C-alpha atoms as a PDB file:
ATOM      1  CA  MET A   1     -42.013-149.497 -58.582  1.00  0.00           C
ATOM      2  CA  GLU A   2     -43.086-152.975 -57.731  1.00  0.00           C
ATOM      3  CA  ILE A   3     -45.760-154.610 -59.948  1.00  0.00           C
ATOM      4  CA  THR A   4     -47.261-158.223 -59.964  1.00  0.00           C
ATOM      5  CA  VAL A   5     -46.915-160.076 -63.255  1.00  0.00           C
ATOM      6  CA  SER A   6     -48.778-163.166 -64.093  1.00  0.00           C
ATOM      7  CA  ILE A   7     -48.128-164.706 -67.244  1.00  0.00           C
ATOM      8  CA  CYS A   8     -50.885-167.112 -68.662  1.00  0.00           C
ATOM      9  CA  THR A   9     -49.733-170.255 -70.609  1.00  0.00           C
ATOM     10  CA  ASN A  10     -50.678-173.997 -69.886  1.00  0.00           C
ATOM     11  CA  VAL A  11     -50.084-172.839 -66.875  1.00  0.00           C
ATOM     12  CA  VAL A  12     -49.743-169.181 -64.972  1.00  0.00           C
ATOM     13  CA  GLN A  13     -46.545-168.290 -63.824  1.00  0.00           C
ATOM     14  CA  ARG A  14     -46.927-165.501 -60.541  1.00  0.00           C
ATOM     15  CA  GLU A  15     -43.744-162.643 -60.437  1.00  0.00           C
ATOM     16  CA  CYS A  16     -42.906-159.641 -58.684  1.00  0.00           C
ATOM     17  CA  ILE A  17     -40.778-157.513 -60.279  1.00  0.00           C
ATOM     18  CA  THR A  18     -39.608-154.049 -59.662  1.00  0.00           C
ATOM     19  CA  VAL A  19     -39.793-151.481 -62.741  1.00  0.00           C
ATOM     20  CA  ASP A  20     -38.992-147.723 -63.805  1.00  0.00           C
ATOM     21  CA  GLU A  21     -41.576-145.211 -63.386  1.00  0.00           C
ATOM     22  CA  SER A  22     -41.351-144.917 -66.937  1.00  0.00           C
ATOM     23  CA  SER A  23     -41.647-148.325 -67.963  1.00  0.00           C
ATOM     24  CA  THR A  24     -44.244-149.613 -70.639  1.00  0.00           C
ATOM     25  CA  TYR A  25     -45.406-152.826 -71.328  1.00  0.00           C
ATOM     26  CA  ASP A  26     -42.892-153.409 -73.879  1.00  0.00           C
ATOM     27  CA  ASP A  27     -40.142-152.997 -71.526  1.00  0.00           C
ATOM     28  CA  VAL A  28     -42.358-155.484 -69.177  1.00  0.00           C
ATOM     29  CA  LEU A  29     -42.772-157.733 -72.139  1.00  0.00           C
ATOM     30  CA  GLU A  30     -38.795-157.589 -73.292  1.00  0.00           C
ATOM     31  CA  ARG A  31     -37.701-158.180 -69.921  1.00  0.00           C
ATOM     32  CA  PHE A  32     -39.335-161.811 -69.962  1.00  0.00           C
ATOM     33  CA  ASP A  33     -38.176-162.339 -73.552  1.00  0.00           C
ATOM     34  CA  ILE A  34     -41.807-162.281 -74.542  1.00  0.00           C
ATOM     35  CA  ASN A  35     -42.698-161.740 -78.424  1.00  0.00           C
ATOM     36  CA  PRO A  36     -45.275-158.947 -78.158  1.00  0.00           C
ATOM     37  CA  GLU A  37     -47.167-160.312 -81.434  1.00  0.00           C
ATOM     38  CA  THR A  38     -48.117-163.191 -79.333  1.00  0.00           C
ATOM     39  CA  VAL A  39     -49.711-162.129 -76.330  1.00  0.00           C
ATOM     40  CA  VAL A  40     -52.148-159.506 -74.837  1.00  0.00           C
ATOM     41  CA  VAL A  41     -51.411-157.017 -71.954  1.00  0.00           C
ATOM     42  CA  LEU A  42     -54.287-156.680 -69.161  1.00  0.00           C
ATOM     43  CA  GLN A  43     -54.195-154.736 -66.274  1.00  0.00           C
ATOM     44  CA  ASN A  44     -57.487-153.467 -64.202  1.00  0.00           C
ATOM     45  CA  ASP A  45     -58.930-156.267 -66.498  1.00  0.00           C
ATOM     46  CA  ALA A  46     -58.105-153.574 -69.518  1.00  0.00           C
ATOM     47  CA  PRO A  47     -55.905-154.666 -72.338  1.00  0.00           C
ATOM     48  CA  GLN A  48     -52.942-152.094 -72.407  1.00  0.00           C
ATOM     49  CA  PRO A  49     -51.136-150.239 -75.662  1.00  0.00           C
ATOM     50  CA  PHE A  50     -47.555-152.183 -75.073  1.00  0.00           C
ATOM     51  CA  ASP A  51     -46.245-148.348 -75.979  1.00  0.00           C
ATOM     52  CA  LYS A  52     -47.938-147.144 -72.620  1.00  0.00           C
ATOM     53  CA  ILE A  53     -46.208-146.256 -69.218  1.00  0.00           C
ATOM     54  CA  VAL A  54     -47.378-148.919 -66.860  1.00  0.00           C
ATOM     55  CA  LEU A  55     -49.936-147.906 -64.185  1.00  0.00           C
ATOM     56  CA  PRO A  56     -49.005-148.019 -60.617  1.00  0.00           C
ATOM     57  CA  ASP A  57     -51.930-150.055 -59.166  1.00  0.00           C
ATOM     58  CA  GLY A  58     -53.040-153.510 -59.767  1.00  0.00           C
ATOM     59  CA  GLU A  59     -51.516-156.913 -61.670  1.00  0.00           C
ATOM     60  CA  ILE A  60     -50.370-157.153 -64.834  1.00  0.00           C
ATOM     61  CA  THR A  61     -51.460-159.964 -66.610  1.00  0.00           C
ATOM     62  CA  ILE A  62     -50.121-161.475 -70.178  1.00  0.00           C
ATOM     63  CA  LEU A  63     -52.197-163.457 -71.822  1.00  0.00           C
ATOM     64  CA  VAL A  64     -50.112-165.640 -74.531  1.00  0.00           C
ATOM     65  CA  ILE A  65     -52.474-165.882 -77.702  1.00  0.00           C
ATOM     66  CA  ALA A  66     -50.406-167.702 -79.892  1.00  0.00           C
ATOM     67  CA  SER A  67     -47.948-170.131 -79.562  1.00  0.00           C
ATOM     68  CA  GLY A  68     -45.149-172.149 -82.350  1.00  0.00           C
ATOM     69  CA  GLY A  69     -46.258-175.399 -83.864  1.00  0.00           C
END
């Protein structure tokens, strides 16, 4: 299935990707090499647990909440 992912840091990066029907939010983070401890994943304006299967509708927003420094 194809989904749109927005990664929100200082700037918003938006990308369409294709994932398997059984992909989890953690799989999506892994694809972008993002540490799950540094972000919140939202879909349909609701936070999603990392081990949940990605919903087929709507846009995924990855909100970065921590940075190095």
